[in-house]
Amino acid sequence: MDLLFLGTSSGIPTRARNVSGLALLEDSGKGWYLIDCGEATQHQLLCTPLTLHGLRAICITHVHGDHCYGLPGLLASAGMARRQEPLDIIAPEGIEDWLRATFAMSRTGLPFELRFHAAESLGQWRTPQVRVKVAALSHRVPSYGYSFTEARPDPKLAIDRLERDNIPRGPLWGQLARGFDVEHEGRRLRSETYLDFGRR
């Protein structure tokens, strides 16, 4: 994963720094995640190779303006760019009502579905590429941090180790291949022991 800082200023932008915005890029492909979306984040994106079609999810830490005032414009631009895929938004409660009211008042229709997940009750969210855990933070308003763990792609069964340990072919191999630990002859077999990954 790579991080691309779109804004690091606090409260208000400066001539050299925009307000909060951080892009987290997947290791392969064009998928990426946006953490916070302060005003003019979409303008900052114009200086990057990222597209709104590759955006997989938006995570908002808290409802202060320097972390979320860029959301309506960015979402409207995604619609004008003909985005079709649904977009997940993980954010404190209230963001959904605010965005829906903003779009209703401005008569903005989006050609894609917004899927809201309240950070207060989510705990964890995942895609085939990443797992995102939510943790409460201390701030003047409800605030949340997000930890991203990258999935290990295309695991392959380590057949040599399975045969060496006399693990019989069949359902046990299938369970291990899908990432499940299993019991066999009184032993706990860890899936990770019998999988090889193309990269860390």
N, C-alpha and C. Protein backbone atom coordinates (compact mmCIF):
# COMPACT_ATOMS: atom_id res chain seq x y z
N MET A 1 0.84 -1.18 0.00
CA MET A 1 0.00 0.00 0.00
C MET A 1 0.89 1.24 0.00
N ASP A 2 0.40 2.28 -0.63
CA ASP A 2 1.08 3.56 -0.62
C ASP A 2 0.14 4.62 -0.08
N LEU A 3 0.71 5.67 0.50
CA LEU A 3 -0.06 6.80 0.98
C LEU A 3 0.26 8.02 0.15
N LEU A 4 -0.78 8.78 -0.19
CA LEU A 4 -0.61 10.01 -0.95
C LEU A 4 -1.31 11.11 -0.17
N PHE A 5 -0.55 12.06 0.33
CA PHE A 5 -1.11 13.13 1.16
C PHE A 5 -1.73 14.20 0.27
N LEU A 6 -3.03 14.39 0.40
CA LEU A 6 -3.75 15.39 -0.39
C LEU A 6 -3.92 16.69 0.38
N GLY A 7 -3.82 16.63 1.69
CA GLY A 7 -3.94 17.81 2.53
C GLY A 7 -3.51 17.50 3.93
N THR A 8 -2.66 18.37 4.50
CA THR A 8 -2.13 18.13 5.85
C THR A 8 -2.31 19.33 6.76
N SER A 9 -3.01 20.34 6.29
CA SER A 9 -3.22 21.53 7.11
C SER A 9 -4.35 21.28 8.10
N SER A 10 -4.36 22.02 9.17
CA SER A 10 -5.36 21.85 10.21
C SER A 10 -6.29 23.05 10.26
N GLY A 11 -7.58 22.82 10.21
CA GLY A 11 -8.56 23.90 10.36
C GLY A 11 -8.81 24.68 9.09
N ILE A 12 -7.81 25.34 8.58
CA ILE A 12 -7.95 26.12 7.35
C ILE A 12 -6.77 25.82 6.43
N PRO A 13 -6.97 25.96 5.11
CA PRO A 13 -5.85 25.71 4.20
C PRO A 13 -4.83 26.84 4.28
N THR A 14 -3.62 26.54 3.85
CA THR A 14 -2.59 27.57 3.68
C THR A 14 -2.25 27.63 2.20
N ARG A 15 -1.37 28.53 1.82
CA ARG A 15 -0.97 28.61 0.41
C ARG A 15 -0.30 27.32 -0.04
N ALA A 16 0.37 26.62 0.88
CA ALA A 16 1.13 25.43 0.51
C ALA A 16 0.45 24.12 0.90
N ARG A 17 -0.57 24.18 1.77
CA ARG A 17 -1.15 22.94 2.30
C ARG A 17 -2.67 23.02 2.31
N ASN A 18 -3.30 22.02 1.72
CA ASN A 18 -4.76 21.93 1.77
C ASN A 18 -5.18 21.30 3.10
N VAL A 19 -6.48 21.38 3.43
CA VAL A 19 -6.99 20.73 4.63
C VAL A 19 -7.03 19.22 4.43
N SER A 20 -7.45 18.49 5.45
CA SER A 20 -7.25 17.05 5.56
C SER A 20 -7.77 16.23 4.39
N GLY A 21 -6.91 15.37 3.90
CA GLY A 21 -7.24 14.40 2.87
C GLY A 21 -6.06 13.47 2.68
N LEU A 22 -6.33 12.18 2.65
CA LEU A 22 -5.28 11.19 2.50
C LEU A 22 -5.79 10.08 1.60
N ALA A 23 -5.02 9.76 0.57
CA ALA A 23 -5.36 8.64 -0.32
C ALA A 23 -4.48 7.45 0.04
N LEU A 24 -5.12 6.29 0.20
CA LEU A 24 -4.41 5.05 0.43
C LEU A 24 -4.58 4.20 -0.83
N LEU A 25 -3.47 3.87 -1.48
CA LEU A 25 -3.50 3.17 -2.76
C LEU A 25 -3.22 1.69 -2.58
N GLU A 26 -4.00 0.86 -3.25
CA GLU A 26 -3.74 -0.57 -3.22
C GLU A 26 -2.42 -0.86 -3.91
N ASP A 27 -1.82 -1.97 -3.54
CA ASP A 27 -0.50 -2.33 -4.06
C ASP A 27 -0.53 -2.59 -5.56
N SER A 28 -1.64 -3.15 -6.05
CA SER A 28 -1.73 -3.41 -7.48
C SER A 28 -3.06 -2.90 -7.99
N GLY A 29 -3.11 -2.52 -9.25
CA GLY A 29 -4.34 -1.99 -9.82
C GLY A 29 -4.49 -0.51 -9.53
N LYS A 30 -5.71 -0.01 -9.77
CA LYS A 30 -5.96 1.43 -9.63
C LYS A 30 -6.89 1.74 -8.48
N GLY A 31 -7.18 0.75 -7.62
CA GLY A 31 -8.07 0.98 -6.50
C GLY A 31 -7.42 1.81 -5.41
N TRP A 32 -8.22 2.67 -4.78
CA TRP A 32 -7.71 3.50 -3.70
C TRP A 32 -8.85 3.87 -2.75
N TYR A 33 -8.46 4.37 -1.56
CA TYR A 33 -9.39 4.71 -0.49
C TYR A 33 -9.07 6.14 -0.05
N LEU A 34 -10.11 6.89 0.28
CA LEU A 34 -9.93 8.27 0.72
C LEU A 34 -10.24 8.36 2.20
N ILE A 35 -9.30 8.88 2.97
CA ILE A 35 -9.52 9.11 4.38
C ILE A 35 -9.60 10.62 4.58
N ASP A 36 -10.77 11.07 4.94
CA ASP A 36 -11.13 12.48 5.09
C ASP A 36 -11.18 13.19 3.73
N CYS A 37 -12.03 14.20 3.70
CA CYS A 37 -12.29 14.88 2.42
C CYS A 37 -12.58 16.34 2.71
N GLY A 38 -11.55 17.06 3.14
CA GLY A 38 -11.72 18.49 3.38
C GLY A 38 -12.01 19.23 2.09
N GLU A 39 -12.41 20.47 2.24
CA GLU A 39 -12.71 21.32 1.09
C GLU A 39 -11.55 21.30 0.10
N ALA A 40 -11.87 21.20 -1.19
CA ALA A 40 -10.91 21.22 -2.31
C ALA A 40 -10.10 19.93 -2.45
N THR A 41 -10.52 18.86 -1.76
CA THR A 41 -9.82 17.59 -1.96
C THR A 41 -9.90 17.15 -3.41
N GLN A 42 -11.06 17.36 -4.04
CA GLN A 42 -11.16 16.93 -5.44
C GLN A 42 -10.21 17.73 -6.33
N HIS A 43 -9.94 18.96 -5.97
CA HIS A 43 -8.98 19.75 -6.74
C HIS A 43 -7.57 19.19 -6.55
N GLN A 44 -7.25 18.77 -5.33
CA GLN A 44 -5.94 18.15 -5.07
C GLN A 44 -5.77 16.88 -5.90
N LEU A 45 -6.87 16.14 -6.09
CA LEU A 45 -6.81 14.89 -6.85
C LEU A 45 -6.42 15.13 -8.31
N LEU A 46 -6.71 16.34 -8.82
CA LEU A 46 -6.37 16.64 -10.21
C LEU A 46 -4.85 16.63 -10.43
N CYS A 47 -4.09 16.73 -9.35
CA CYS A 47 -2.63 16.72 -9.45
C CYS A 47 -2.05 15.32 -9.25
N THR A 48 -2.92 14.30 -9.26
CA THR A 48 -2.49 12.93 -9.03
C THR A 48 -2.96 12.06 -10.20
N PRO A 49 -2.49 10.81 -10.28
CA PRO A 49 -2.99 9.90 -11.31
C PRO A 49 -4.30 9.21 -10.91
N LEU A 50 -4.84 9.52 -9.75
CA LEU A 50 -6.03 8.83 -9.25
C LEU A 50 -7.30 9.31 -9.96
N THR A 51 -8.25 8.36 -10.12
CA THR A 51 -9.53 8.71 -10.72
C THR A 51 -10.64 8.40 -9.73
N LEU A 52 -11.78 9.05 -9.90
CA LEU A 52 -12.92 8.79 -9.04
C LEU A 52 -13.57 7.45 -9.37
N HIS A 53 -13.22 6.86 -10.50
CA HIS A 53 -13.71 5.52 -10.83
C HIS A 53 -12.98 4.45 -10.01
N GLY A 54 -11.74 4.71 -9.63
CA GLY A 54 -10.97 3.74 -8.84
C GLY A 54 -11.20 3.84 -7.35
N LEU A 55 -11.96 4.85 -6.92
CA LEU A 55 -12.21 5.07 -5.49
C LEU A 55 -13.10 3.96 -4.96
N ARG A 56 -12.61 3.21 -3.97
CA ARG A 56 -13.36 2.07 -3.43
C ARG A 56 -14.19 2.44 -2.21
N ALA A 57 -13.73 3.40 -1.40
CA ALA A 57 -14.47 3.79 -0.20
C ALA A 57 -13.92 5.11 0.32
N ILE A 58 -14.75 5.80 1.09
CA ILE A 58 -14.35 7.03 1.76
C ILE A 58 -14.55 6.82 3.26
N CYS A 59 -13.52 7.12 4.04
CA CYS A 59 -13.60 7.04 5.50
C CYS A 59 -13.46 8.46 6.06
N ILE A 60 -14.43 8.88 6.86
CA ILE A 60 -14.39 10.21 7.47
C ILE A 60 -14.12 10.03 8.97
N THR A 61 -13.10 10.72 9.47
CA THR A 61 -12.74 10.55 10.88
C THR A 61 -13.71 11.26 11.82
N HIS A 62 -14.13 12.48 11.45
CA HIS A 62 -15.09 13.22 12.29
C HIS A 62 -15.72 14.33 11.46
N VAL A 63 -16.74 14.98 12.03
CA VAL A 63 -17.58 15.88 11.24
C VAL A 63 -17.12 17.33 11.26
N HIS A 64 -15.92 17.63 11.67
CA HIS A 64 -15.42 19.00 11.51
C HIS A 64 -15.23 19.28 10.03
N GLY A 65 -15.51 20.52 9.63
CA GLY A 65 -15.53 20.88 8.21
C GLY A 65 -14.25 20.60 7.47
N ASP A 66 -13.10 20.78 8.13
CA ASP A 66 -11.84 20.56 7.42
C ASP A 66 -11.59 19.08 7.11
N HIS A 67 -12.50 18.22 7.57
CA HIS A 67 -12.39 16.79 7.29
C HIS A 67 -13.51 16.27 6.38
N CYS A 68 -14.56 17.10 6.15
CA CYS A 68 -15.69 16.55 5.37
C CYS A 68 -16.36 17.54 4.42
N TYR A 69 -16.01 18.82 4.43
CA TYR A 69 -16.72 19.77 3.57
C TYR A 69 -16.48 19.55 2.07
N GLY A 70 -15.50 18.75 1.72
CA GLY A 70 -15.26 18.46 0.31
C GLY A 70 -16.10 17.32 -0.24
N LEU A 71 -16.83 16.61 0.64
CA LEU A 71 -17.59 15.44 0.20
C LEU A 71 -18.65 15.73 -0.86
N PRO A 72 -19.55 16.70 -0.65
CA PRO A 72 -20.60 16.90 -1.67
C PRO A 72 -20.04 17.16 -3.06
N GLY A 73 -19.04 18.00 -3.16
CA GLY A 73 -18.46 18.31 -4.47
C GLY A 73 -17.77 17.12 -5.09
N LEU A 74 -17.01 16.38 -4.30
CA LEU A 74 -16.32 15.21 -4.83
C LEU A 74 -17.31 14.17 -5.34
N LEU A 75 -18.38 13.93 -4.58
CA LEU A 75 -19.38 12.95 -5.00
C LEU A 75 -20.12 13.40 -6.25
N ALA A 76 -20.45 14.70 -6.31
CA ALA A 76 -21.11 15.23 -7.51
C ALA A 76 -20.21 15.10 -8.73
N SER A 77 -18.92 15.37 -8.55
CA SER A 77 -17.98 15.22 -9.67
C SER A 77 -17.87 13.77 -10.12
N ALA A 78 -17.90 12.84 -9.16
CA ALA A 78 -17.87 11.42 -9.53
C ALA A 78 -19.08 11.07 -10.39
N GLY A 79 -20.23 11.64 -10.05
CA GLY A 79 -21.43 11.42 -10.86
C GLY A 79 -21.29 12.01 -12.24
N MET A 80 -20.74 13.22 -12.34
CA MET A 80 -20.55 13.85 -13.65
C MET A 80 -19.51 13.11 -14.49
N ALA A 81 -18.61 12.39 -13.81
CA ALA A 81 -17.61 11.58 -14.51
C ALA A 81 -18.19 10.21 -14.90
N ARG A 82 -19.48 10.04 -14.67
CA ARG A 82 -20.22 8.82 -15.05
C ARG A 82 -19.82 7.59 -14.25
N ARG A 83 -19.46 7.80 -13.01
CA ARG A 83 -19.22 6.65 -12.15
C ARG A 83 -20.53 5.88 -12.01
N GLN A 84 -20.47 4.56 -12.05
CA GLN A 84 -21.65 3.70 -11.90
C GLN A 84 -21.59 2.81 -10.66
N GLU A 85 -20.38 2.42 -10.25
CA GLU A 85 -20.25 1.47 -9.15
C GLU A 85 -20.68 2.10 -7.83
N PRO A 86 -21.34 1.34 -6.95
CA PRO A 86 -21.68 1.85 -5.62
C PRO A 86 -20.43 2.29 -4.88
N LEU A 87 -20.60 3.23 -3.97
CA LEU A 87 -19.48 3.75 -3.20
C LEU A 87 -19.81 3.66 -1.71
N ASP A 88 -18.91 3.04 -0.96
CA ASP A 88 -19.09 2.91 0.49
C ASP A 88 -18.52 4.12 1.19
N ILE A 89 -19.29 4.63 2.15
CA ILE A 89 -18.84 5.76 2.97
C ILE A 89 -18.92 5.32 4.43
N ILE A 90 -17.76 5.29 5.08
CA ILE A 90 -17.67 4.93 6.49
C ILE A 90 -17.44 6.23 7.24
N ALA A 91 -18.38 6.59 8.10
CA ALA A 91 -18.32 7.92 8.72
C ALA A 91 -19.18 7.95 9.98
N PRO A 92 -18.94 8.95 10.84
CA PRO A 92 -19.82 9.11 11.99
C PRO A 92 -21.27 9.35 11.57
N GLU A 93 -22.18 8.94 12.42
CA GLU A 93 -23.59 9.19 12.16
C GLU A 93 -23.79 10.69 11.92
N GLY A 94 -24.71 11.01 11.08
CA GLY A 94 -24.96 12.41 10.74
C GLY A 94 -24.47 12.77 9.36
N ILE A 95 -23.39 12.14 8.91
CA ILE A 95 -22.87 12.42 7.57
C ILE A 95 -23.90 12.05 6.51
N GLU A 96 -24.58 10.92 6.70
CA GLU A 96 -25.57 10.50 5.70
C GLU A 96 -26.69 11.52 5.59
N ASP A 97 -27.26 11.93 6.73
CA ASP A 97 -28.35 12.91 6.69
C ASP A 97 -27.89 14.22 6.07
N TRP A 98 -26.69 14.67 6.42
CA TRP A 98 -26.16 15.93 5.89
C TRP A 98 -25.99 15.85 4.37
N LEU A 99 -25.41 14.74 3.87
CA LEU A 99 -25.22 14.62 2.43
C LEU A 99 -26.56 14.52 1.70
N ARG A 100 -27.48 13.74 2.22
CA ARG A 100 -28.78 13.60 1.55
C ARG A 100 -29.52 14.94 1.53
N ALA A 101 -29.45 15.71 2.62
CA ALA A 101 -30.09 17.02 2.65
C ALA A 101 -29.42 17.98 1.66
N THR A 102 -28.10 17.93 1.57
CA THR A 102 -27.36 18.79 0.63
C THR A 102 -27.74 18.46 -0.80
N PHE A 103 -27.81 17.17 -1.13
CA PHE A 103 -28.16 16.77 -2.49
C PHE A 103 -29.62 17.09 -2.81
N ALA A 104 -30.50 16.94 -1.83
CA ALA A 104 -31.92 17.28 -2.06
C ALA A 104 -32.07 18.78 -2.29
N MET A 105 -31.40 19.59 -1.46
CA MET A 105 -31.52 21.05 -1.58
C MET A 105 -30.94 21.55 -2.89
N SER A 106 -29.85 20.92 -3.34
CA SER A 106 -29.20 21.36 -4.59
C SER A 106 -29.71 20.59 -5.81
N ARG A 107 -30.67 19.72 -5.59
CA ARG A 107 -31.23 18.88 -6.66
C ARG A 107 -30.15 18.14 -7.43
N THR A 108 -29.24 17.55 -6.67
CA THR A 108 -28.14 16.78 -7.24
C THR A 108 -28.51 15.30 -7.19
N GLY A 109 -28.53 14.67 -8.34
CA GLY A 109 -28.76 13.23 -8.42
C GLY A 109 -27.48 12.51 -8.77
N LEU A 110 -27.20 11.43 -8.09
CA LEU A 110 -26.00 10.65 -8.37
C LEU A 110 -26.38 9.39 -9.14
N PRO A 111 -25.60 9.03 -10.16
CA PRO A 111 -25.90 7.82 -10.92
C PRO A 111 -25.35 6.55 -10.28
N PHE A 112 -24.90 6.65 -9.05
CA PHE A 112 -24.37 5.48 -8.34
C PHE A 112 -24.91 5.49 -6.91
N GLU A 113 -24.94 4.32 -6.32
CA GLU A 113 -25.47 4.16 -4.96
C GLU A 113 -24.42 4.54 -3.93
N LEU A 114 -24.85 5.27 -2.90
CA LEU A 114 -24.00 5.52 -1.73
C LEU A 114 -24.40 4.52 -0.66
N ARG A 115 -23.42 3.78 -0.13
CA ARG A 115 -23.68 2.82 0.93
C ARG A 115 -23.01 3.35 2.21
N PHE A 116 -23.83 3.78 3.15
CA PHE A 116 -23.32 4.39 4.37
C PHE A 116 -23.13 3.34 5.46
N HIS A 117 -22.05 3.49 6.20
CA HIS A 117 -21.76 2.62 7.34
C HIS A 117 -21.39 3.54 8.51
N ALA A 118 -22.18 3.49 9.58
CA ALA A 118 -21.93 4.33 10.75
C ALA A 118 -20.70 3.82 11.50
N ALA A 119 -19.71 4.67 11.65
CA ALA A 119 -18.48 4.28 12.32
C ALA A 119 -18.74 3.84 13.76
N GLU A 120 -19.76 4.43 14.39
CA GLU A 120 -20.05 4.13 15.79
C GLU A 120 -20.34 2.65 16.03
N SER A 121 -20.93 1.99 15.04
CA SER A 121 -21.36 0.61 15.25
C SER A 121 -20.73 -0.38 14.26
N LEU A 122 -19.81 0.07 13.43
CA LEU A 122 -19.32 -0.80 12.36
C LEU A 122 -18.33 -1.84 12.85
N GLY A 123 -17.31 -1.43 13.57
CA GLY A 123 -16.27 -2.38 14.00
C GLY A 123 -15.29 -2.72 12.91
N GLN A 124 -15.77 -3.33 11.82
CA GLN A 124 -14.88 -3.76 10.74
C GLN A 124 -15.63 -3.75 9.41
N TRP A 125 -14.90 -3.46 8.34
CA TRP A 125 -15.44 -3.46 6.98
C TRP A 125 -14.37 -4.07 6.10
N ARG A 126 -14.78 -4.84 5.09
CA ARG A 126 -13.75 -5.46 4.27
C ARG A 126 -14.16 -5.56 2.81
N THR A 127 -13.14 -5.63 1.97
CA THR A 127 -13.29 -5.92 0.55
C THR A 127 -12.34 -7.09 0.28
N PRO A 128 -12.33 -7.62 -0.93
CA PRO A 128 -11.33 -8.65 -1.21
C PRO A 128 -9.89 -8.14 -1.09
N GLN A 129 -9.70 -6.81 -1.16
CA GLN A 129 -8.35 -6.25 -1.13
C GLN A 129 -7.88 -5.84 0.27
N VAL A 130 -8.78 -5.32 1.11
CA VAL A 130 -8.37 -4.80 2.41
C VAL A 130 -9.41 -5.12 3.49
N ARG A 131 -8.93 -5.06 4.73
CA ARG A 131 -9.79 -5.11 5.90
C ARG A 131 -9.59 -3.80 6.65
N VAL A 132 -10.68 -3.12 6.98
CA VAL A 132 -10.61 -1.84 7.68
C VAL A 132 -11.24 -2.01 9.06
N LYS A 133 -10.47 -1.71 10.09
CA LYS A 133 -10.98 -1.74 11.46
C LYS A 133 -11.18 -0.31 11.94
N VAL A 134 -12.26 -0.11 12.70
CA VAL A 134 -12.62 1.21 13.19
C VAL A 134 -12.33 1.27 14.69
N ALA A 135 -11.72 2.36 15.14
CA ALA A 135 -11.44 2.54 16.56
C ALA A 135 -11.83 3.95 16.97
N ALA A 136 -12.50 4.07 18.11
CA ALA A 136 -12.89 5.39 18.63
C ALA A 136 -11.65 6.15 19.09
N LEU A 137 -11.63 7.46 18.81
CA LEU A 137 -10.56 8.34 19.22
C LEU A 137 -11.11 9.41 20.15
N SER A 138 -10.24 10.13 20.79
CA SER A 138 -10.65 11.21 21.69
C SER A 138 -10.54 12.56 20.98
N HIS A 139 -11.67 13.26 20.90
CA HIS A 139 -11.71 14.57 20.24
C HIS A 139 -12.92 15.31 20.79
N ARG A 140 -13.12 16.56 20.40
CA ARG A 140 -14.27 17.33 20.89
C ARG A 140 -15.59 16.82 20.36
N VAL A 141 -15.55 16.12 19.22
CA VAL A 141 -16.75 15.51 18.65
C VAL A 141 -16.43 14.03 18.46
N PRO A 142 -17.43 13.17 18.27
CA PRO A 142 -17.13 11.76 18.01
C PRO A 142 -16.15 11.62 16.85
N SER A 143 -15.09 10.87 17.08
CA SER A 143 -14.00 10.78 16.12
C SER A 143 -13.50 9.34 16.05
N TYR A 144 -13.08 8.93 14.85
CA TYR A 144 -12.71 7.53 14.63
C TYR A 144 -11.45 7.42 13.80
N GLY A 145 -10.63 6.44 14.14
CA GLY A 145 -9.45 6.11 13.37
C GLY A 145 -9.70 4.83 12.59
N TYR A 146 -8.98 4.66 11.51
CA TYR A 146 -9.16 3.50 10.64
C TYR A 146 -7.82 2.83 10.40
N SER A 147 -7.76 1.53 10.64
CA SER A 147 -6.54 0.78 10.31
C SER A 147 -6.85 -0.11 9.12
N PHE A 148 -5.95 -0.07 8.15
CA PHE A 148 -6.11 -0.84 6.91
C PHE A 148 -5.11 -1.99 6.92
N THR A 149 -5.62 -3.20 6.68
CA THR A 149 -4.77 -4.37 6.53
C THR A 149 -5.00 -4.93 5.14
N GLU A 150 -3.92 -5.06 4.40
CA GLU A 150 -4.03 -5.54 3.03
C GLU A 150 -4.21 -7.05 2.99
N ALA A 151 -5.11 -7.52 2.14
CA ALA A 151 -5.28 -8.95 1.96
C ALA A 151 -4.08 -9.50 1.21
N ARG A 152 -3.75 -10.74 1.47
CA ARG A 152 -2.64 -11.38 0.75
C ARG A 152 -3.24 -12.09 -0.46
N PRO A 153 -2.91 -11.66 -1.64
CA PRO A 153 -3.61 -12.17 -2.83
C PRO A 153 -3.16 -13.56 -3.27
N ASP A 154 -4.08 -14.25 -3.89
CA ASP A 154 -3.82 -15.51 -4.58
C ASP A 154 -3.01 -16.50 -3.76
N PRO A 155 -3.50 -16.89 -2.59
CA PRO A 155 -2.75 -17.91 -1.83
C PRO A 155 -2.79 -19.24 -2.56
N LYS A 156 -1.69 -19.97 -2.44
CA LYS A 156 -1.60 -21.30 -3.05
C LYS A 156 -1.29 -22.30 -1.95
N LEU A 157 -1.94 -23.47 -2.02
CA LEU A 157 -1.68 -24.51 -1.04
C LEU A 157 -0.24 -25.00 -1.16
N ALA A 158 0.41 -25.15 -0.02
CA ALA A 158 1.77 -25.69 0.03
C ALA A 158 1.66 -27.21 0.11
N ILE A 159 1.48 -27.83 -1.04
CA ILE A 159 1.21 -29.26 -1.10
C ILE A 159 2.34 -30.07 -0.47
N ASP A 160 3.58 -29.63 -0.66
CA ASP A 160 4.70 -30.37 -0.08
C ASP A 160 4.59 -30.44 1.44
N ARG A 161 4.20 -29.33 2.10
CA ARG A 161 4.06 -29.33 3.56
C ARG A 161 2.85 -30.15 4.01
N LEU A 162 1.76 -30.08 3.24
CA LEU A 162 0.58 -30.88 3.57
C LEU A 162 0.91 -32.37 3.52
N GLU A 163 1.62 -32.80 2.47
CA GLU A 163 1.99 -34.21 2.35
C GLU A 163 3.00 -34.61 3.41
N ARG A 164 3.96 -33.72 3.69
CA ARG A 164 4.97 -34.02 4.71
C ARG A 164 4.32 -34.25 6.08
N ASP A 165 3.25 -33.48 6.37
CA ASP A 165 2.58 -33.59 7.67
C ASP A 165 1.43 -34.59 7.64
N ASN A 166 1.32 -35.36 6.55
CA ASN A 166 0.30 -36.40 6.42
C ASN A 166 -1.12 -35.88 6.59
N ILE A 167 -1.40 -34.73 5.98
CA ILE A 167 -2.75 -34.17 5.98
C ILE A 167 -3.45 -34.76 4.76
N PRO A 168 -4.53 -35.54 4.97
CA PRO A 168 -5.17 -36.19 3.81
C PRO A 168 -5.84 -35.20 2.88
N ARG A 169 -5.75 -35.50 1.59
CA ARG A 169 -6.44 -34.67 0.59
C ARG A 169 -7.93 -34.70 0.86
N GLY A 170 -8.62 -33.64 0.42
CA GLY A 170 -10.07 -33.60 0.58
C GLY A 170 -10.53 -32.34 1.28
N PRO A 171 -11.60 -32.43 2.09
CA PRO A 171 -12.19 -31.25 2.70
C PRO A 171 -11.22 -30.44 3.57
N LEU A 172 -10.29 -31.13 4.25
CA LEU A 172 -9.33 -30.38 5.09
C LEU A 172 -8.51 -29.43 4.24
N TRP A 173 -8.05 -29.89 3.08
CA TRP A 173 -7.26 -29.04 2.19
C TRP A 173 -8.10 -27.85 1.74
N GLY A 174 -9.36 -28.08 1.43
CA GLY A 174 -10.24 -27.00 0.99
C GLY A 174 -10.42 -25.94 2.08
N GLN A 175 -10.60 -26.40 3.33
CA GLN A 175 -10.77 -25.46 4.45
C GLN A 175 -9.50 -24.62 4.62
N LEU A 176 -8.36 -25.28 4.61
CA LEU A 176 -7.09 -24.57 4.77
C LEU A 176 -6.87 -23.57 3.63
N ALA A 177 -7.23 -23.97 2.41
CA ALA A 177 -7.07 -23.09 1.24
C ALA A 177 -7.92 -21.84 1.36
N ARG A 178 -9.08 -21.96 2.02
CA ARG A 178 -9.97 -20.80 2.17
C ARG A 178 -9.62 -19.94 3.39
N GLY A 179 -8.53 -20.30 4.10
CA GLY A 179 -8.08 -19.48 5.21
C GLY A 179 -8.58 -19.89 6.57
N PHE A 180 -9.20 -21.08 6.68
CA PHE A 180 -9.73 -21.53 7.96
C PHE A 180 -8.74 -22.46 8.65
N ASP A 181 -8.56 -22.28 9.95
CA ASP A 181 -7.80 -23.24 10.74
C ASP A 181 -8.71 -24.45 10.99
N VAL A 182 -8.11 -25.64 11.08
CA VAL A 182 -8.91 -26.86 11.25
C VAL A 182 -8.28 -27.76 12.31
N GLU A 183 -9.11 -28.67 12.86
CA GLU A 183 -8.65 -29.70 13.78
C GLU A 183 -8.46 -30.99 13.00
N HIS A 184 -7.34 -31.68 13.27
CA HIS A 184 -7.09 -32.97 12.61
C HIS A 184 -6.28 -33.84 13.56
N GLU A 185 -6.85 -34.98 13.93
CA GLU A 185 -6.19 -35.94 14.81
C GLU A 185 -5.65 -35.27 16.06
N GLY A 186 -6.48 -34.44 16.67
CA GLY A 186 -6.10 -33.78 17.92
C GLY A 186 -5.15 -32.62 17.77
N ARG A 187 -4.84 -32.23 16.53
CA ARG A 187 -3.92 -31.10 16.30
C ARG A 187 -4.69 -29.95 15.69
N ARG A 188 -4.30 -28.75 16.04
CA ARG A 188 -4.84 -27.55 15.40
C ARG A 188 -3.93 -27.19 14.24
N LEU A 189 -4.48 -27.21 13.03
CA LEU A 189 -3.71 -26.86 11.82
C LEU A 189 -4.03 -25.43 11.43
N ARG A 190 -3.00 -24.61 11.42
CA ARG A 190 -3.17 -23.21 11.05
C ARG A 190 -3.10 -23.05 9.54
N SER A 191 -4.11 -22.41 8.99
CA SER A 191 -4.17 -22.21 7.54
C SER A 191 -2.90 -21.57 7.01
N GLU A 192 -2.41 -20.56 7.72
CA GLU A 192 -1.24 -19.81 7.25
C GLU A 192 -0.01 -20.70 7.09
N THR A 193 0.07 -21.79 7.87
CA THR A 193 1.20 -22.71 7.78
C THR A 193 1.22 -23.44 6.45
N TYR A 194 0.05 -23.61 5.86
CA TYR A 194 -0.06 -24.42 4.64
C TYR A 194 -0.44 -23.61 3.40
N LEU A 195 -0.20 -22.32 3.47
CA LEU A 195 -0.44 -21.45 2.31
C LEU A 195 0.84 -20.73 1.96
N ASP A 196 1.08 -20.56 0.66
CA ASP A 196 2.18 -19.73 0.16
C ASP A 196 1.57 -18.52 -0.53
N PHE A 197 2.17 -17.37 -0.33
CA PHE A 197 1.65 -16.12 -0.90
C PHE A 197 2.69 -15.56 -1.84
N GLY A 198 2.20 -14.88 -2.89
CA GLY A 198 3.09 -14.29 -3.86
C GLY A 198 3.92 -13.14 -3.30
N ARG A 199 3.43 -12.51 -2.24
CA ARG A 199 4.16 -11.41 -1.61
C ARG A 199 3.71 -11.28 -0.17
N ARG A 200 4.44 -10.50 0.62
CA ARG A 200 4.11 -10.33 2.03
C ARG A 200 2.84 -9.55 2.15
